[in-house]
Protein backbone atom coordinates (compact mmCIF):
# COMPACT_ATOMS: atom_id res chain seq x y z
CA SER A 1 83.14 9.85 14.07
CA ILE A 2 84.61 13.18 15.17
CA SER A 3 85.07 14.29 18.74
CA ARG A 4 85.54 17.96 19.66
CA THR A 5 86.23 19.61 22.99
CA TYR A 6 84.89 23.07 23.84
CA MET A 7 85.60 24.91 27.06
CA VAL A 8 82.62 27.18 27.65
CA ASP A 9 83.53 28.69 30.97
CA GLY A 10 86.75 30.24 32.19
CA VAL A 11 88.90 33.16 31.28
CA ASP A 12 89.78 34.60 27.87
CA TYR A 13 93.04 36.45 27.30
CA TYR A 14 93.79 39.03 24.65
CA THR A 15 97.55 39.50 24.42
CA LEU A 16 99.55 42.24 22.72
CA ILE A 17 103.33 42.01 22.78
CA LYS A 18 105.16 44.98 21.34
CA ASN A 19 108.68 46.31 20.98
CA ASN A 20 109.84 49.47 19.21
CA THR A 21 109.04 48.31 15.68
CA HIS A 22 107.03 45.09 15.85
CA GLN A 23 103.97 43.83 17.58
CA ASN A 24 102.16 40.53 17.83
CA GLU A 25 98.66 40.01 19.15
CA PHE A 26 96.68 36.88 19.85
CA GLU A 27 93.73 35.70 21.87
CA TYR A 28 93.27 32.55 23.92
CA ASP A 29 90.00 31.19 25.23
CA ASN A 30 90.48 29.16 28.42
CA PRO A 31 94.14 28.23 27.83
CA GLU A 32 94.56 26.72 31.30
CA SER A 33 91.56 24.43 30.84
CA TYR A 34 92.80 23.31 27.44
CA LEU A 35 96.27 22.73 28.89
CA GLN A 36 94.77 20.34 31.43
CA LYS A 37 93.06 18.44 28.60
CA TYR A 38 96.06 18.62 26.22
CA PRO A 39 99.20 18.84 28.40
CA ASN A 40 101.71 18.28 25.58
CA VAL A 41 100.73 21.17 23.27
CA ASP A 42 103.76 23.47 23.05
CA GLU A 43 101.74 26.60 22.32
CA LEU A 44 99.60 26.11 25.43
CA ILE A 45 102.66 25.37 27.56
CA SER A 46 104.38 28.54 26.32
CA PHE A 47 101.31 30.66 26.97
CA GLN A 48 101.01 29.22 30.48
CA GLU A 49 104.66 30.18 31.10
CA LEU A 50 103.89 33.72 29.91
CA LEU A 51 100.87 33.92 32.23
CA ASN A 52 102.96 32.67 35.15
CA LEU A 53 105.61 35.31 34.45
CA ILE A 54 103.00 38.08 34.30
CA ARG A 55 101.33 36.87 37.49
CA THR A 56 104.64 36.74 39.33
CA GLU A 57 106.17 39.99 38.10
CA PHE A 58 103.05 42.18 38.10
CA LYS A 59 100.99 40.35 40.73
CA ILE A 60 97.91 40.29 38.50
CA PHE A 61 95.62 37.61 37.05
CA THR A 62 95.93 35.52 40.16
CA ASN A 63 93.42 32.71 40.56
CA LYS A 64 93.76 32.56 44.33
């Protein structure tokens, strides 16, 4: 038996991080919902920290 979890509502994020010579891009579907379901996944925790930093510094993507 296999169990899978899909979050079908929420917010998707496309992220592009770039410096002078390198760039990295990735996309997350509903990272905050998945973090609630899987609170010990390092990648989700790190992305949540990035979102919190962006929300605080730029005052965007606020849920309230």
